[in-house]
Amino acid sequence: MSKTVSMNIGNTDFSFEHSLVKVIANRNCPEIKLAGLNVDSFEEGNEYEIQFWIAQELEKAGIVRFREEERLDAAKLYKIQWTERVQTVGQISKLPENFYPKLRRCLTELKKDAAKSPEKLREYEKSTHLTQDIVNSRLKKIISLASASPQTEQMLKNLTNEERFLYEQLHKFIHEWKTQILKHEERVE
């Protein structure tokens, strides 16, 4: 993978790690003070908005749990996959916010759990297949869009940050390629 692609995905992941997510407190917890960071106290049952990476650590400690809409699972992936498949090539559906970072984390967790349970292994395999189908379907659409004339913002509004980056790189590359292919008068002598 090129350095540019890795940096783009890394930047997206970094932004996601620091984005706000909604959690529900599992128990009361006093304010947490770390070097340069304060996390307010929690009251059991209340909802809070905190940075993802903090929420992840607090979840591991059993202090909070993510709200259901913050997580991806096989059922949500199936819905997304179905929506992608019923649309025409020129249509791209809107994905949940931070879809790809959430997807990577979902698959990582399922893979870890798969080692402990045959049921989780089946869910991991199903989720992996759904993911591949979603990515392939969207990739075909992005390639089609990138191959055409520059798209309007309306056409591109449902692309994620990662997909927008890919579209822009592909469009530039395809446009340059077409320009070189069609430069016949300079080469024919």
N, C-alpha and C. Protein backbone atom coordinates (compact mmCIF):
# COMPACT_ATOMS: atom_id res chain seq x y z
N MET A 1 0.86 -1.17 0.00
CA MET A 1 0.00 0.00 0.00
C MET A 1 0.91 1.23 0.00
N SER A 2 0.50 2.21 -0.78
CA SER A 2 1.35 3.39 -0.87
C SER A 2 1.33 4.18 0.44
N LYS A 3 2.38 4.93 0.63
CA LYS A 3 2.52 5.74 1.83
C LYS A 3 1.38 6.75 1.95
N THR A 4 0.97 7.32 0.80
CA THR A 4 -0.10 8.32 0.79
C THR A 4 -1.42 7.72 1.27
N VAL A 5 -1.73 6.51 0.79
CA VAL A 5 -2.97 5.84 1.20
C VAL A 5 -2.91 5.53 2.68
N SER A 6 -1.79 4.98 3.14
CA SER A 6 -1.64 4.66 4.56
C SER A 6 -1.80 5.91 5.42
N MET A 7 -1.21 7.01 4.99
CA MET A 7 -1.31 8.26 5.75
C MET A 7 -2.76 8.73 5.80
N ASN A 8 -3.48 8.64 4.66
CA ASN A 8 -4.87 9.08 4.63
C ASN A 8 -5.71 8.25 5.59
N ILE A 9 -5.56 6.94 5.55
CA ILE A 9 -6.34 6.07 6.44
C ILE A 9 -5.90 6.29 7.89
N GLY A 10 -4.61 6.47 8.10
CA GLY A 10 -4.10 6.75 9.45
C GLY A 10 -4.67 8.05 10.00
N ASN A 11 -4.74 9.09 9.16
CA ASN A 11 -5.32 10.37 9.60
C ASN A 11 -6.79 10.22 9.93
N THR A 12 -7.50 9.44 9.12
CA THR A 12 -8.92 9.21 9.39
C THR A 12 -9.09 8.47 10.71
N ASP A 13 -8.26 7.46 10.94
CA ASP A 13 -8.33 6.72 12.20
C ASP A 13 -8.00 7.61 13.39
N PHE A 14 -6.99 8.45 13.24
CA PHE A 14 -6.62 9.36 14.32
C PHE A 14 -7.79 10.29 14.65
N SER A 15 -8.42 10.84 13.62
CA SER A 15 -9.58 11.72 13.83
C SER A 15 -10.70 10.97 14.53
N PHE A 16 -10.92 9.73 14.10
CA PHE A 16 -11.98 8.92 14.72
C PHE A 16 -11.67 8.66 16.20
N GLU A 17 -10.43 8.29 16.49
CA GLU A 17 -10.04 8.02 17.88
C GLU A 17 -10.34 9.20 18.80
N HIS A 18 -10.28 10.41 18.24
CA HIS A 18 -10.49 11.61 19.04
C HIS A 18 -11.88 12.22 18.86
N SER A 19 -12.73 11.56 18.08
CA SER A 19 -14.09 12.07 17.89
C SER A 19 -14.95 11.72 19.11
N LEU A 20 -16.03 12.46 19.26
CA LEU A 20 -16.92 12.23 20.39
C LEU A 20 -17.90 11.10 20.08
N VAL A 21 -18.10 10.22 21.05
CA VAL A 21 -19.07 9.14 20.93
C VAL A 21 -19.96 9.16 22.17
N LYS A 22 -21.13 8.55 22.03
CA LYS A 22 -22.07 8.49 23.15
C LYS A 22 -21.93 7.17 23.89
N VAL A 23 -21.85 7.30 25.20
CA VAL A 23 -21.74 6.13 26.06
C VAL A 23 -22.75 6.26 27.19
N ILE A 24 -23.01 5.13 27.83
CA ILE A 24 -23.90 5.10 29.00
C ILE A 24 -23.09 4.55 30.16
N ALA A 25 -23.18 5.22 31.30
CA ALA A 25 -22.41 4.79 32.47
C ALA A 25 -23.02 3.52 33.06
N ASN A 26 -22.18 2.52 33.29
CA ASN A 26 -22.63 1.27 33.91
C ASN A 26 -22.68 1.39 35.43
N ARG A 27 -21.90 2.34 35.94
CA ARG A 27 -21.83 2.53 37.40
C ARG A 27 -21.35 3.94 37.68
N ASN A 28 -21.48 4.34 38.91
CA ASN A 28 -20.97 5.65 39.33
C ASN A 28 -19.45 5.59 39.32
N CYS A 29 -18.86 6.71 38.94
CA CYS A 29 -17.40 6.77 38.90
C CYS A 29 -17.00 8.21 39.17
N PRO A 30 -16.05 8.42 40.09
CA PRO A 30 -15.61 9.79 40.35
C PRO A 30 -14.78 10.33 39.18
N GLU A 31 -14.52 11.61 39.21
CA GLU A 31 -13.69 12.24 38.17
C GLU A 31 -12.34 11.53 38.09
N ILE A 32 -11.87 11.37 36.87
CA ILE A 32 -10.57 10.72 36.66
C ILE A 32 -9.59 11.79 36.19
N LYS A 33 -8.47 11.90 36.89
CA LYS A 33 -7.45 12.89 36.52
C LYS A 33 -6.18 12.16 36.12
N LEU A 34 -5.76 12.43 34.89
CA LEU A 34 -4.49 11.89 34.39
C LEU A 34 -3.62 13.08 34.03
N ALA A 35 -2.40 12.84 33.70
CA ALA A 35 -1.49 13.92 33.31
C ALA A 35 -2.07 14.67 32.10
N GLY A 36 -2.55 15.87 32.35
CA GLY A 36 -3.06 16.71 31.27
C GLY A 36 -4.44 16.36 30.79
N LEU A 37 -5.15 15.45 31.45
CA LEU A 37 -6.47 15.04 31.01
C LEU A 37 -7.38 14.82 32.21
N ASN A 38 -8.56 15.41 32.14
CA ASN A 38 -9.57 15.19 33.17
C ASN A 38 -10.81 14.60 32.52
N VAL A 39 -11.32 13.51 33.09
CA VAL A 39 -12.57 12.91 32.63
C VAL A 39 -13.56 13.10 33.76
N ASP A 40 -14.66 13.81 33.44
CA ASP A 40 -15.66 14.11 34.46
C ASP A 40 -16.22 12.83 35.08
N SER A 41 -16.87 13.01 36.22
CA SER A 41 -17.46 11.86 36.91
C SER A 41 -18.66 11.32 36.13
N PHE A 42 -19.02 10.07 36.42
CA PHE A 42 -20.15 9.41 35.76
C PHE A 42 -21.16 8.97 36.79
N GLU A 43 -22.45 9.07 36.43
CA GLU A 43 -23.52 8.53 37.26
C GLU A 43 -24.17 7.40 36.50
N GLU A 44 -24.36 6.29 37.18
CA GLU A 44 -24.91 5.09 36.55
C GLU A 44 -26.20 5.40 35.78
N GLY A 45 -26.27 4.90 34.54
CA GLY A 45 -27.48 5.06 33.72
C GLY A 45 -27.52 6.31 32.88
N ASN A 46 -26.68 7.28 33.19
CA ASN A 46 -26.69 8.53 32.41
C ASN A 46 -25.86 8.38 31.14
N GLU A 47 -26.21 9.20 30.16
CA GLU A 47 -25.50 9.19 28.88
C GLU A 47 -24.48 10.32 28.85
N TYR A 48 -23.32 10.03 28.26
CA TYR A 48 -22.24 11.01 28.17
C TYR A 48 -21.64 10.97 26.77
N GLU A 49 -21.01 12.06 26.40
CA GLU A 49 -20.29 12.14 25.14
C GLU A 49 -18.82 12.37 25.46
N ILE A 50 -18.00 11.41 25.06
CA ILE A 50 -16.56 11.49 25.33
C ILE A 50 -15.79 11.00 24.10
N GLN A 51 -14.50 11.26 24.09
CA GLN A 51 -13.68 10.83 22.96
C GLN A 51 -13.65 9.31 22.89
N PHE A 52 -13.62 8.80 21.66
CA PHE A 52 -13.67 7.35 21.44
C PHE A 52 -12.60 6.60 22.22
N TRP A 53 -11.36 7.06 22.14
CA TRP A 53 -10.27 6.31 22.78
C TRP A 53 -10.45 6.25 24.29
N ILE A 54 -11.02 7.29 24.88
CA ILE A 54 -11.29 7.28 26.32
C ILE A 54 -12.44 6.32 26.62
N ALA A 55 -13.48 6.38 25.78
CA ALA A 55 -14.63 5.50 25.95
C ALA A 55 -14.20 4.03 25.88
N GLN A 56 -13.30 3.74 24.95
CA GLN A 56 -12.82 2.38 24.78
C GLN A 56 -12.12 1.88 26.06
N GLU A 57 -11.30 2.72 26.65
CA GLU A 57 -10.60 2.34 27.88
C GLU A 57 -11.57 2.20 29.05
N LEU A 58 -12.54 3.11 29.12
CA LEU A 58 -13.53 3.04 30.20
C LEU A 58 -14.44 1.82 30.04
N GLU A 59 -14.69 1.43 28.79
CA GLU A 59 -15.49 0.22 28.56
C GLU A 59 -14.73 -1.01 29.05
N LYS A 60 -13.44 -1.07 28.74
CA LYS A 60 -12.61 -2.20 29.20
C LYS A 60 -12.66 -2.31 30.73
N ALA A 61 -12.72 -1.15 31.40
CA ALA A 61 -12.76 -1.13 32.86
C ALA A 61 -14.16 -1.38 33.40
N GLY A 62 -15.16 -1.50 32.49
CA GLY A 62 -16.52 -1.77 32.92
C GLY A 62 -17.27 -0.54 33.42
N ILE A 63 -16.73 0.64 33.20
CA ILE A 63 -17.35 1.87 33.70
C ILE A 63 -18.46 2.35 32.78
N VAL A 64 -18.28 2.21 31.46
CA VAL A 64 -19.28 2.65 30.49
C VAL A 64 -19.50 1.56 29.44
N ARG A 65 -20.55 1.72 28.66
CA ARG A 65 -20.78 0.90 27.48
C ARG A 65 -21.18 1.84 26.35
N PHE A 66 -20.81 1.47 25.14
CA PHE A 66 -21.17 2.28 23.98
C PHE A 66 -22.67 2.16 23.72
N ARG A 67 -23.25 3.24 23.24
CA ARG A 67 -24.65 3.17 22.80
C ARG A 67 -24.70 2.26 21.59
N GLU A 68 -25.81 1.61 21.41
CA GLU A 68 -25.97 0.62 20.33
C GLU A 68 -25.67 1.21 18.96
N GLU A 69 -26.09 2.43 18.70
CA GLU A 69 -25.88 3.03 17.37
C GLU A 69 -24.42 3.38 17.11
N GLU A 70 -23.57 3.34 18.12
CA GLU A 70 -22.15 3.62 17.96
C GLU A 70 -21.39 2.40 17.43
N ARG A 71 -22.01 1.24 17.47
CA ARG A 71 -21.34 -0.01 17.10
C ARG A 71 -21.87 -0.55 15.77
N LEU A 72 -21.01 -1.29 15.10
CA LEU A 72 -21.42 -2.04 13.91
C LEU A 72 -21.54 -3.51 14.30
N ASP A 73 -22.45 -4.22 13.67
CA ASP A 73 -22.56 -5.66 13.87
C ASP A 73 -23.02 -6.27 12.55
N ALA A 74 -23.15 -7.59 12.52
CA ALA A 74 -23.51 -8.29 11.29
C ALA A 74 -24.85 -7.81 10.75
N ALA A 75 -25.82 -7.56 11.61
CA ALA A 75 -27.14 -7.12 11.15
C ALA A 75 -27.06 -5.76 10.46
N LYS A 76 -26.29 -4.84 11.02
CA LYS A 76 -26.13 -3.52 10.40
C LYS A 76 -25.36 -3.63 9.09
N LEU A 77 -24.34 -4.50 9.07
CA LEU A 77 -23.58 -4.70 7.84
C LEU A 77 -24.47 -5.29 6.75
N TYR A 78 -25.34 -6.21 7.11
CA TYR A 78 -26.25 -6.81 6.13
C TYR A 78 -27.15 -5.73 5.52
N LYS A 79 -27.69 -4.85 6.35
CA LYS A 79 -28.54 -3.75 5.85
C LYS A 79 -27.78 -2.85 4.89
N ILE A 80 -26.55 -2.52 5.24
CA ILE A 80 -25.72 -1.66 4.39
C ILE A 80 -25.43 -2.38 3.07
N GLN A 81 -25.09 -3.65 3.15
CA GLN A 81 -24.78 -4.43 1.95
C GLN A 81 -25.99 -4.51 1.05
N TRP A 82 -27.16 -4.77 1.60
CA TRP A 82 -28.39 -4.86 0.82
C TRP A 82 -28.67 -3.52 0.13
N THR A 83 -28.54 -2.43 0.86
CA THR A 83 -28.78 -1.09 0.29
C THR A 83 -27.84 -0.82 -0.87
N GLU A 84 -26.57 -1.18 -0.72
CA GLU A 84 -25.59 -0.97 -1.80
C GLU A 84 -25.95 -1.78 -3.03
N ARG A 85 -26.38 -3.00 -2.84
CA ARG A 85 -26.63 -3.88 -3.98
C ARG A 85 -27.87 -3.49 -4.76
N VAL A 86 -28.87 -2.87 -4.14
CA VAL A 86 -30.10 -2.54 -4.87
C VAL A 86 -29.98 -1.22 -5.63
N GLN A 87 -28.93 -0.48 -5.40
CA GLN A 87 -28.75 0.79 -6.09
C GLN A 87 -28.02 0.61 -7.41
N THR A 88 -28.25 1.55 -8.31
CA THR A 88 -27.56 1.51 -9.59
C THR A 88 -26.11 1.93 -9.40
N VAL A 89 -25.31 1.74 -10.46
CA VAL A 89 -23.89 2.07 -10.40
C VAL A 89 -23.65 3.53 -10.05
N GLY A 90 -24.49 4.42 -10.52
CA GLY A 90 -24.31 5.85 -10.28
C GLY A 90 -24.74 6.30 -8.90
N GLN A 91 -25.36 5.42 -8.12
CA GLN A 91 -25.85 5.80 -6.79
C GLN A 91 -24.97 5.19 -5.71
N ILE A 92 -24.62 6.03 -4.78
CA ILE A 92 -23.87 5.54 -3.62
C ILE A 92 -24.64 5.98 -2.37
N SER A 93 -24.96 4.99 -1.55
CA SER A 93 -25.74 5.31 -0.34
C SER A 93 -24.84 5.96 0.70
N LYS A 94 -25.48 6.62 1.64
CA LYS A 94 -24.74 7.25 2.74
C LYS A 94 -24.45 6.17 3.78
N LEU A 95 -23.21 6.08 4.17
CA LEU A 95 -22.81 5.14 5.21
C LEU A 95 -22.90 5.80 6.58
N PRO A 96 -22.99 5.00 7.64
CA PRO A 96 -22.96 5.59 8.99
C PRO A 96 -21.66 6.39 9.17
N GLU A 97 -21.74 7.41 10.00
CA GLU A 97 -20.57 8.24 10.27
C GLU A 97 -19.42 7.37 10.78
N ASN A 98 -18.21 7.67 10.31
CA ASN A 98 -17.00 6.92 10.69
C ASN A 98 -17.12 5.43 10.40
N PHE A 99 -17.75 5.11 9.29
CA PHE A 99 -18.01 3.71 8.95
C PHE A 99 -16.75 2.85 8.92
N TYR A 100 -15.75 3.26 8.17
CA TYR A 100 -14.56 2.40 8.02
C TYR A 100 -13.76 2.24 9.31
N PRO A 101 -13.53 3.30 10.09
CA PRO A 101 -12.85 3.07 11.38
C PRO A 101 -13.66 2.14 12.30
N LYS A 102 -14.99 2.33 12.32
CA LYS A 102 -15.82 1.44 13.14
C LYS A 102 -15.77 0.02 12.61
N LEU A 103 -15.77 -0.12 11.29
CA LEU A 103 -15.73 -1.43 10.67
C LEU A 103 -14.44 -2.17 11.04
N ARG A 104 -13.32 -1.48 10.93
CA ARG A 104 -12.05 -2.12 11.27
C ARG A 104 -12.05 -2.59 12.73
N ARG A 105 -12.58 -1.79 13.61
CA ARG A 105 -12.61 -2.16 15.03
C ARG A 105 -13.59 -3.30 15.28
N CYS A 106 -14.72 -3.28 14.59
CA CYS A 106 -15.71 -4.35 14.71
C CYS A 106 -15.10 -5.68 14.30
N LEU A 107 -14.43 -5.71 13.15
CA LEU A 107 -13.82 -6.94 12.66
C LEU A 107 -12.70 -7.43 13.57
N THR A 108 -11.93 -6.49 14.12
CA THR A 108 -10.86 -6.85 15.05
C THR A 108 -11.44 -7.53 16.29
N GLU A 109 -12.51 -6.93 16.84
CA GLU A 109 -13.15 -7.51 18.03
C GLU A 109 -13.75 -8.88 17.73
N LEU A 110 -14.43 -9.00 16.59
CA LEU A 110 -15.03 -10.28 16.23
C LEU A 110 -13.96 -11.35 16.03
N LYS A 111 -12.85 -10.98 15.45
CA LYS A 111 -11.75 -11.94 15.23
C LYS A 111 -11.21 -12.43 16.57
N LYS A 112 -11.07 -11.49 17.53
CA LYS A 112 -10.59 -11.87 18.87
C LYS A 112 -11.58 -12.83 19.53
N ASP A 113 -12.89 -12.49 19.43
CA ASP A 113 -13.93 -13.32 20.05
C ASP A 113 -14.10 -14.66 19.34
N ALA A 114 -13.78 -14.71 18.04
CA ALA A 114 -13.94 -15.93 17.25
C ALA A 114 -13.10 -17.07 17.80
N ALA A 115 -11.97 -16.74 18.40
CA ALA A 115 -11.09 -17.77 18.96
C ALA A 115 -11.73 -18.44 20.18
N LYS A 116 -12.71 -17.78 20.79
CA LYS A 116 -13.31 -18.29 22.01
C LYS A 116 -14.64 -19.01 21.78
N SER A 117 -15.28 -18.74 20.62
CA SER A 117 -16.63 -19.26 20.44
C SER A 117 -16.94 -19.55 18.97
N PRO A 118 -17.48 -20.73 18.67
CA PRO A 118 -17.85 -21.06 17.29
C PRO A 118 -18.93 -20.11 16.74
N GLU A 119 -19.81 -19.67 17.62
CA GLU A 119 -20.86 -18.72 17.21
C GLU A 119 -20.23 -17.40 16.76
N LYS A 120 -19.25 -16.93 17.50
CA LYS A 120 -18.55 -15.69 17.13
C LYS A 120 -17.71 -15.88 15.87
N LEU A 121 -17.20 -17.09 15.67
CA LEU A 121 -16.45 -17.37 14.45
C LEU A 121 -17.37 -17.24 13.24
N ARG A 122 -18.58 -17.78 13.33
CA ARG A 122 -19.56 -17.66 12.23
C ARG A 122 -19.92 -16.20 11.99
N GLU A 123 -20.11 -15.44 13.07
CA GLU A 123 -20.43 -14.01 12.93
C GLU A 123 -19.27 -13.26 12.28
N TYR A 124 -18.05 -13.61 12.67
CA TYR A 124 -16.86 -12.99 12.07
C TYR A 124 -16.79 -13.30 10.57
N GLU A 125 -16.99 -14.56 10.22
CA GLU A 125 -16.94 -14.95 8.80
C GLU A 125 -18.04 -14.26 7.99
N LYS A 126 -19.23 -14.22 8.54
CA LYS A 126 -20.36 -13.55 7.87
C LYS A 126 -20.06 -12.06 7.70
N SER A 127 -19.56 -11.44 8.75
CA SER A 127 -19.24 -10.00 8.70
C SER A 127 -18.12 -9.72 7.70
N THR A 128 -17.15 -10.61 7.62
CA THR A 128 -16.05 -10.45 6.66
C THR A 128 -16.58 -10.51 5.23
N HIS A 129 -17.47 -11.45 4.96
CA HIS A 129 -18.05 -11.57 3.61
C HIS A 129 -18.91 -10.35 3.27
N LEU A 130 -19.71 -9.91 4.22
CA LEU A 130 -20.53 -8.71 4.00
C LEU A 130 -19.64 -7.50 3.73
N THR A 131 -18.57 -7.39 4.51
CA THR A 131 -17.63 -6.28 4.35
C THR A 131 -17.01 -6.29 2.96
N GLN A 132 -16.56 -7.45 2.52
CA GLN A 132 -15.96 -7.54 1.19
C GLN A 132 -16.96 -7.15 0.11
N ASP A 133 -18.20 -7.56 0.27
CA ASP A 133 -19.23 -7.22 -0.71
C ASP A 133 -19.50 -5.71 -0.72
N ILE A 134 -19.58 -5.12 0.45
CA ILE A 134 -19.81 -3.66 0.55
C ILE A 134 -18.66 -2.91 -0.10
N VAL A 135 -17.45 -3.26 0.26
CA VAL A 135 -16.27 -2.58 -0.27
C VAL A 135 -16.19 -2.75 -1.79
N ASN A 136 -16.39 -3.96 -2.28
CA ASN A 136 -16.32 -4.19 -3.73
C ASN A 136 -17.41 -3.43 -4.48
N SER A 137 -18.60 -3.43 -3.93
CA SER A 137 -19.71 -2.70 -4.57
C SER A 137 -19.42 -1.20 -4.63
N ARG A 138 -18.96 -0.64 -3.54
CA ARG A 138 -18.66 0.79 -3.49
C ARG A 138 -17.46 1.12 -4.37
N LEU A 139 -16.47 0.23 -4.38
CA LEU A 139 -15.28 0.45 -5.20
C LEU A 139 -15.65 0.52 -6.69
N LYS A 140 -16.50 -0.38 -7.14
CA LYS A 140 -16.95 -0.35 -8.54
C LYS A 140 -17.62 0.99 -8.86
N LYS A 141 -18.43 1.47 -7.95
CA LYS A 141 -19.14 2.74 -8.16
C LYS A 141 -18.16 3.91 -8.18
N ILE A 142 -17.19 3.88 -7.29
CA ILE A 142 -16.19 4.96 -7.23
C ILE A 142 -15.35 4.97 -8.50
N ILE A 143 -14.96 3.80 -8.97
CA ILE A 143 -14.19 3.72 -10.22
C ILE A 143 -15.01 4.27 -11.38
N SER A 144 -16.28 3.92 -11.42
CA SER A 144 -17.15 4.42 -12.48
C SER A 144 -17.26 5.94 -12.42
N LEU A 145 -17.44 6.49 -11.23
CA LEU A 145 -17.52 7.94 -11.07
C LEU A 145 -16.21 8.62 -11.46
N ALA A 146 -15.10 8.02 -11.05
CA ALA A 146 -13.78 8.60 -11.33
C ALA A 146 -13.45 8.55 -12.81
N SER A 147 -14.01 7.60 -13.52
CA SER A 147 -13.74 7.47 -14.96
C SER A 147 -14.52 8.48 -15.80
N ALA A 148 -15.58 9.01 -15.26
CA ALA A 148 -16.43 9.95 -15.98
C ALA A 148 -15.91 11.37 -15.82
N SER A 149 -16.65 12.30 -16.36
CA SER A 149 -16.30 13.72 -16.18
C SER A 149 -16.31 14.04 -14.69
N PRO A 150 -15.63 15.14 -14.30
CA PRO A 150 -15.65 15.49 -12.88
C PRO A 150 -17.08 15.53 -12.34
N GLN A 151 -17.25 14.97 -11.16
CA GLN A 151 -18.57 14.85 -10.56
C GLN A 151 -18.93 16.10 -9.76
N THR A 152 -20.22 16.33 -9.64
CA THR A 152 -20.70 17.45 -8.83
C THR A 152 -20.61 17.05 -7.36
N GLU A 153 -20.64 18.02 -6.51
CA GLU A 153 -20.61 17.77 -5.06
C GLU A 153 -21.81 16.92 -4.66
N GLN A 154 -22.93 17.13 -5.31
CA GLN A 154 -24.15 16.35 -5.02
C GLN A 154 -23.90 14.86 -5.25
N MET A 155 -23.17 14.52 -6.31
CA MET A 155 -22.88 13.13 -6.63
C MET A 155 -21.90 12.51 -5.62
N LEU A 156 -21.04 13.33 -5.04
CA LEU A 156 -19.98 12.83 -4.17
C LEU A 156 -20.30 12.94 -2.68
N LYS A 157 -21.44 13.53 -2.35
CA LYS A 157 -21.73 13.83 -0.94
C LYS A 157 -21.80 12.60 -0.04
N ASN A 158 -22.13 11.43 -0.59
CA ASN A 158 -22.25 10.24 0.25
C ASN A 158 -20.96 9.44 0.37
N LEU A 159 -19.88 9.93 -0.22
CA LEU A 159 -18.60 9.25 -0.08
C LEU A 159 -18.02 9.55 1.30
N THR A 160 -17.40 8.56 1.90
CA THR A 160 -16.70 8.78 3.17
C THR A 160 -15.39 9.52 2.85
N ASN A 161 -14.67 9.96 3.86
CA ASN A 161 -13.38 10.62 3.65
C ASN A 161 -12.41 9.71 2.91
N GLU A 162 -12.37 8.43 3.29
CA GLU A 162 -11.48 7.50 2.63
C GLU A 162 -11.84 7.32 1.16
N GLU A 163 -13.14 7.24 0.89
CA GLU A 163 -13.62 7.06 -0.48
C GLU A 163 -13.41 8.32 -1.31
N ARG A 164 -13.58 9.47 -0.70
CA ARG A 164 -13.35 10.74 -1.41
C ARG A 164 -11.89 10.83 -1.84
N PHE A 165 -11.00 10.46 -0.95
CA PHE A 165 -9.57 10.45 -1.26
C PHE A 165 -9.31 9.52 -2.44
N LEU A 166 -9.87 8.32 -2.39
CA LEU A 166 -9.69 7.36 -3.47
C LEU A 166 -10.25 7.91 -4.78
N TYR A 167 -11.46 8.47 -4.73
CA TYR A 167 -12.07 9.04 -5.93
C TYR A 167 -11.14 10.10 -6.55
N GLU A 168 -10.65 11.01 -5.72
CA GLU A 168 -9.80 12.10 -6.23
C GLU A 168 -8.51 11.56 -6.85
N GLN A 169 -7.88 10.58 -6.22
CA GLN A 169 -6.65 9.98 -6.75
C GLN A 169 -6.93 9.26 -8.07
N LEU A 170 -8.01 8.47 -8.09
CA LEU A 170 -8.36 7.74 -9.31
C LEU A 170 -8.73 8.69 -10.45
N HIS A 171 -9.53 9.70 -10.12
CA HIS A 171 -9.95 10.64 -11.16
C HIS A 171 -8.73 11.33 -11.79
N LYS A 172 -7.82 11.76 -10.95
CA LYS A 172 -6.60 12.41 -11.44
C LYS A 172 -5.79 11.45 -12.31
N PHE A 173 -5.60 10.24 -11.83
CA PHE A 173 -4.81 9.25 -12.56
C PHE A 173 -5.48 8.89 -13.89
N ILE A 174 -6.77 8.65 -13.87
CA ILE A 174 -7.50 8.28 -15.09
C ILE A 174 -7.50 9.43 -16.08
N HIS A 175 -7.70 10.64 -15.59
CA HIS A 175 -7.68 11.82 -16.48
C HIS A 175 -6.31 11.96 -17.14
N GLU A 176 -5.23 11.81 -16.38
CA GLU A 176 -3.87 11.89 -16.93
C GLU A 176 -3.64 10.77 -17.95
N TRP A 177 -4.11 9.58 -17.63
CA TRP A 177 -3.95 8.44 -18.53
C TRP A 177 -4.68 8.70 -19.85
N LYS A 178 -5.94 9.13 -19.76
CA LYS A 178 -6.71 9.43 -20.97
C LYS A 178 -6.03 10.52 -21.80
N THR A 179 -5.52 11.54 -21.14
CA THR A 179 -4.84 12.63 -21.85
C THR A 179 -3.64 12.10 -22.61
N GLN A 180 -2.86 11.23 -21.98
CA GLN A 180 -1.68 10.66 -22.64
C GLN A 180 -2.08 9.73 -23.78
N ILE A 181 -3.08 8.94 -23.60
CA ILE A 181 -3.55 8.01 -24.63
C ILE A 181 -4.03 8.78 -25.86
N LEU A 182 -4.69 9.90 -25.63
CA LEU A 182 -5.29 10.65 -26.74
C LEU A 182 -4.36 11.69 -27.34
N LYS A 183 -3.12 11.75 -26.90
CA LYS A 183 -2.14 12.67 -27.47
C LYS A 183 -1.54 12.06 -28.72
N HIS A 184 -2.33 11.79 -29.69
CA HIS A 184 -1.86 11.08 -30.86
C HIS A 184 -1.06 11.97 -31.82
N GLU A 185 -1.41 13.22 -31.94
CA GLU A 185 -0.73 14.05 -32.94
C GLU A 185 0.74 14.28 -32.63
N GLU A 186 1.12 14.29 -31.36
CA GLU A 186 2.52 14.52 -31.02
C GLU A 186 3.38 13.27 -31.22
N ARG A 187 2.79 12.09 -31.07
CA ARG A 187 3.53 10.84 -31.15
C ARG A 187 3.56 10.25 -32.57
N VAL A 188 2.55 10.56 -33.34
CA VAL A 188 2.47 9.99 -34.69
C VAL A 188 3.30 10.83 -35.64
N GLU A 189 4.45 10.34 -36.05
CA GLU A 189 5.32 11.08 -36.98
C GLU A 189 6.08 10.16 -37.86
